[in-house]
């Protein structure tokens, strides 16, 4: 795995912490990114 710095608002960070706790933020973000990539790839296949 590679490290990647991203910027999110303090409000977004607090919302994530509220959902998953302080120690699961990174895994939540990884999962959200993977889900969005899969969704967009499926969407692109439909368009072709």
PDB file of N, CA and C in Angstrom:
ATOM      1  N   UNK A   1       0.841  -1.173   0.000  1.00  0.00           N
ATOM      2  CA  UNK A   1       0.000   0.000   0.000  1.00  0.00           C
ATOM      3  C   UNK A   1       0.889   1.239   0.000  1.00  0.00           C
ATOM      4  N   UNK A   2       0.420   2.280  -0.662  1.00  0.00           N
ATOM      5  CA  UNK A   2       1.140   3.541  -0.681  1.00  0.00           C
ATOM      6  C   UNK A   2       0.379   4.574   0.135  1.00  0.00           C
ATOM      7  N   UNK A   3       1.124   5.484   0.741  1.00  0.00           N
ATOM      8  CA  UNK A   3       0.507   6.593   1.462  1.00  0.00           C
ATOM      9  C   UNK A   3       0.112   7.667   0.457  1.00  0.00           C
ATOM     10  N   UNK A   4      -1.019   8.316   0.711  1.00  0.00           N
ATOM     11  CA  UNK A   4      -1.515   9.382  -0.143  1.00  0.00           C
ATOM     12  C   UNK A   4      -2.126  10.439   0.759  1.00  0.00           C
ATOM     13  N   UNK A   5      -1.636  11.657   0.638  1.00  0.00           N
ATOM     14  CA  UNK A   5      -2.201  12.736   1.446  1.00  0.00           C
ATOM     15  C   UNK A   5      -3.413  13.310   0.733  1.00  0.00           C
ATOM     16  N   UNK A   6      -4.499  13.458   1.465  1.00  0.00           N
ATOM     17  CA  UNK A   6      -5.703  14.086   0.928  1.00  0.00           C
ATOM     18  C   UNK A   6      -6.139  15.180   1.891  1.00  0.00           C
ATOM     19  N   UNK A   7      -6.925  16.089   1.380  1.00  0.00           N
ATOM     20  CA  UNK A   7      -7.462  17.153   2.224  1.00  0.00           C
ATOM     21  C   UNK A   7      -8.977  16.985   2.303  1.00  0.00           C
ATOM     22  N   UNK A   8      -9.478  16.960   3.523  1.00  0.00           N
ATOM     23  CA  UNK A   8     -10.920  16.938   3.744  1.00  0.00           C
ATOM     24  C   UNK A   8     -11.237  17.993   4.795  1.00  0.00           C
ATOM     25  N   UNK A   9     -12.459  18.462   4.774  1.00  0.00           N
ATOM     26  CA  UNK A   9     -12.852  19.483   5.743  1.00  0.00           C
ATOM     27  C   UNK A   9     -12.916  18.873   7.144  1.00  0.00           C
ATOM     28  N   UNK A  10     -12.732  19.707   8.158  1.00  0.00           N
ATOM     29  CA  UNK A  10     -12.865  19.206   9.534  1.00  0.00           C
ATOM     30  C   UNK A  10     -14.246  18.590   9.784  1.00  0.00           C
ATOM     31  N   UNK A  11     -15.263  19.160   9.138  1.00  0.00           N
ATOM     32  CA  UNK A  11     -16.616  18.635   9.310  1.00  0.00           C
ATOM     33  C   UNK A  11     -16.735  17.218   8.750  1.00  0.00           C
ATOM     34  N   UNK A  12     -16.137  16.994   7.580  1.00  0.00           N
ATOM     35  CA  UNK A  12     -16.175  15.660   6.979  1.00  0.00           C
ATOM     36  C   UNK A  12     -15.438  14.663   7.855  1.00  0.00           C
ATOM     37  N   UNK A  13     -14.289  15.057   8.368  1.00  0.00           N
ATOM     38  CA  UNK A  13     -13.532  14.170   9.254  1.00  0.00           C
ATOM     39  C   UNK A  13     -14.353  13.811  10.488  1.00  0.00           C
ATOM     40  N   UNK A  14     -15.009  14.781  11.069  1.00  0.00           N
ATOM     41  CA  UNK A  14     -15.827  14.518  12.258  1.00  0.00           C
ATOM     42  C   UNK A  14     -17.005  13.604  11.934  1.00  0.00           C
ATOM     43  N   UNK A  15     -17.582  13.754  10.753  1.00  0.00           N
ATOM     44  CA  UNK A  15     -18.677  12.867  10.346  1.00  0.00           C
ATOM     45  C   UNK A  15     -18.184  11.431  10.228  1.00  0.00           C
ATOM     46  N   UNK A  16     -16.997  11.258   9.641  1.00  0.00           N
ATOM     47  CA  UNK A  16     -16.429   9.912   9.508  1.00  0.00           C
ATOM     48  C   UNK A  16     -16.149   9.328  10.886  1.00  0.00           C
ATOM     49  N   UNK A  17     -15.524  10.109  11.751  1.00  0.00           N
ATOM     50  CA  UNK A  17     -15.230   9.642  13.110  1.00  0.00           C
ATOM     51  C   UNK A  17     -16.522   9.270  13.835  1.00  0.00           C
ATOM     52  N   UNK A  18     -17.569  10.053  13.625  1.00  0.00           N
ATOM     53  CA  UNK A  18     -18.858   9.746  14.233  1.00  0.00           C
ATOM     54  C   UNK A  18     -19.421   8.408  13.778  1.00  0.00           C
ATOM     55  N   UNK A  19     -19.114   8.033  12.549  1.00  0.00           N
ATOM     56  CA  UNK A  19     -19.609   6.762  12.009  1.00  0.00           C
ATOM     57  C   UNK A  19     -18.766   5.565  12.425  1.00  0.00           C
ATOM     58  N   UNK A  20     -17.432   5.717  12.366  1.00  0.00           N
ATOM     59  CA  UNK A  20     -16.559   4.541  12.518  1.00  0.00           C
ATOM     60  C   UNK A  20     -15.579   4.628  13.680  1.00  0.00           C
ATOM     61  N   UNK A  21     -15.507   5.768  14.335  1.00  0.00           N
ATOM     62  CA  UNK A  21     -14.538   5.930  15.417  1.00  0.00           C
ATOM     63  C   UNK A  21     -13.211   6.463  14.891  1.00  0.00           C
ATOM     64  N   UNK A  22     -12.411   6.956  15.796  1.00  0.00           N
ATOM     65  CA  UNK A  22     -11.158   7.631  15.438  1.00  0.00           C
ATOM     66  C   UNK A  22     -10.123   6.701  14.827  1.00  0.00           C
ATOM     67  N   UNK A  23     -10.160   5.430  15.175  1.00  0.00           N
ATOM     68  CA  UNK A  23      -9.102   4.518  14.738  1.00  0.00           C
ATOM     69  C   UNK A  23      -9.427   3.771  13.447  1.00  0.00           C
ATOM     70  N   UNK A  24     -10.586   4.033  12.850  1.00  0.00           N
ATOM     71  CA  UNK A  24     -10.968   3.338  11.611  1.00  0.00           C
ATOM     72  C   UNK A  24     -11.159   4.302  10.447  1.00  0.00           C
ATOM     73  N   UNK A  25     -10.688   5.531  10.602  1.00  0.00           N
ATOM     74  CA  UNK A  25     -10.860   6.554   9.567  1.00  0.00           C
ATOM     75  C   UNK A  25     -10.181   6.135   8.268  1.00  0.00           C
ATOM     76  N   UNK A  26      -8.936   5.704   8.327  1.00  0.00           N
ATOM     77  CA  UNK A  26      -8.194   5.342   7.111  1.00  0.00           C
ATOM     78  C   UNK A  26      -8.866   4.189   6.379  1.00  0.00           C
ATOM     79  N   UNK A  27      -9.292   3.167   7.105  1.00  0.00           N
ATOM     80  CA  UNK A  27      -9.934   2.032   6.438  1.00  0.00           C
ATOM     81  C   UNK A  27     -11.282   2.442   5.845  1.00  0.00           C
ATOM     82  N   UNK A  28     -11.993   3.344   6.506  1.00  0.00           N
ATOM     83  CA  UNK A  28     -13.254   3.845   5.962  1.00  0.00           C
ATOM     84  C   UNK A  28     -13.026   4.571   4.643  1.00  0.00           C
ATOM     85  N   UNK A  29     -12.005   5.432   4.614  1.00  0.00           N
ATOM     86  CA  UNK A  29     -11.703   6.185   3.397  1.00  0.00           C
ATOM     87  C   UNK A  29     -11.269   5.246   2.279  1.00  0.00           C
ATOM     88  N   UNK A  30     -10.423   4.259   2.591  1.00  0.00           N
ATOM     89  CA  UNK A  30     -10.018   3.277   1.570  1.00  0.00           C
ATOM     90  C   UNK A  30     -11.230   2.558   0.998  1.00  0.00           C
ATOM     91  N   UNK A  31     -12.119   2.106   1.877  1.00  0.00           N
ATOM     92  CA  UNK A  31     -13.312   1.383   1.432  1.00  0.00           C
ATOM     93  C   UNK A  31     -14.211   2.275   0.577  1.00  0.00           C
ATOM     94  N   UNK A  32     -14.387   3.520   0.989  1.00  0.00           N
ATOM     95  CA  UNK A  32     -15.225   4.450   0.226  1.00  0.00           C
ATOM     96  C   UNK A  32     -14.647   4.691  -1.165  1.00  0.00           C
ATOM     97  N   UNK A  33     -13.336   4.829  -1.258  1.00  0.00           N
ATOM     98  CA  UNK A  33     -12.686   5.035  -2.553  1.00  0.00           C
ATOM     99  C   UNK A  33     -12.855   3.809  -3.435  1.00  0.00           C
ATOM    100  N   UNK A  34     -12.609   2.623  -2.885  1.00  0.00           N
ATOM    101  CA  UNK A  34     -12.765   1.386  -3.661  1.00  0.00           C
ATOM    102  C   UNK A  34     -14.200   1.228  -4.164  1.00  0.00           C
ATOM    103  N   UNK A  35     -15.176   1.523  -3.317  1.00  0.00           N
ATOM    104  CA  UNK A  35     -16.576   1.422  -3.723  1.00  0.00           C
ATOM    105  C   UNK A  35     -16.906   2.408  -4.839  1.00  0.00           C
ATOM    106  N   UNK A  36     -16.393   3.615  -4.746  1.00  0.00           N
ATOM    107  CA  UNK A  36     -16.662   4.624  -5.774  1.00  0.00           C
ATOM    108  C   UNK A  36     -15.989   4.262  -7.092  1.00  0.00           C
ATOM    109  N   UNK A  37     -14.778   3.739  -7.039  1.00  0.00           N
ATOM    110  CA  UNK A  37     -14.096   3.291  -8.260  1.00  0.00           C
ATOM    111  C   UNK A  37     -14.905   2.186  -8.930  1.00  0.00           C
ATOM    112  N   UNK A  38     -15.347   1.205  -8.162  1.00  0.00           N
ATOM    113  CA  UNK A  38     -16.140   0.105  -8.716  1.00  0.00           C
ATOM    114  C   UNK A  38     -17.438   0.622  -9.328  1.00  0.00           C
ATOM    115  N   UNK A  39     -18.090   1.561  -8.664  1.00  0.00           N
ATOM    116  CA  UNK A  39     -19.344   2.130  -9.169  1.00  0.00           C
ATOM    117  C   UNK A  39     -19.113   2.834 -10.500  1.00  0.00           C
ATOM    118  N   UNK A  40     -18.058   3.631 -10.576  1.00  0.00           N
ATOM    119  CA  UNK A  40     -17.777   4.372 -11.812  1.00  0.00           C
ATOM    120  C   UNK A  40     -17.337   3.454 -12.941  1.00  0.00           C
ATOM    121  N   UNK A  41     -16.579   2.415 -12.613  1.00  0.00           N
ATOM    122  CA  UNK A  41     -16.182   1.454 -13.647  1.00  0.00           C
ATOM    123  C   UNK A  41     -17.407   0.740 -14.213  1.00  0.00           C
ATOM    124  N   UNK A  42     -18.341   0.356 -13.356  1.00  0.00           N
ATOM    125  CA  UNK A  42     -19.571  -0.295 -13.808  1.00  0.00           C
ATOM    126  C   UNK A  42     -20.396   0.666 -14.661  1.00  0.00           C
ATOM    127  N   UNK A  43     -20.446   1.917 -14.257  1.00  0.00           N
ATOM    128  CA  UNK A  43     -21.169   2.941 -15.009  1.00  0.00           C
ATOM    129  C   UNK A  43     -20.549   3.128 -16.394  1.00  0.00           C
ATOM    130  N   UNK A  44     -19.227   3.145 -16.458  1.00  0.00           N
ATOM    131  CA  UNK A  44     -18.535   3.301 -17.739  1.00  0.00           C
ATOM    132  C   UNK A  44     -18.807   2.125 -18.665  1.00  0.00           C
ATOM    133  N   UNK A  45     -18.896   0.920 -18.130  1.00  0.00           N
ATOM    134  CA  UNK A  45     -19.182  -0.265 -18.947  1.00  0.00           C
ATOM    135  C   UNK A  45     -20.576  -0.183 -19.552  1.00  0.00           C
ATOM    136  N   UNK A  46     -21.530   0.382 -18.797  1.00  0.00           N
ATOM    137  CA  UNK A  46     -22.900   0.527 -19.298  1.00  0.00           C
ATOM    138  C   UNK A  46     -22.953   1.496 -20.474  1.00  0.00           C
ATOM    139  N   UNK A  47     -22.125   2.541 -20.421  1.00  0.00           N
ATOM    140  CA  UNK A  47     -22.130   3.577 -21.454  1.00  0.00           C
ATOM    141  C   UNK A  47     -21.515   3.092 -22.762  1.00  0.00           C
ATOM    142  N   UNK A  48     -20.701   2.060 -22.720  1.00  0.00           N
ATOM    143  CA  UNK A  48     -20.006   1.592 -23.926  1.00  0.00           C
ATOM    144  C   UNK A  48     -20.790   0.583 -24.694  1.00  0.00           C
TER     145      UNK A  48
END
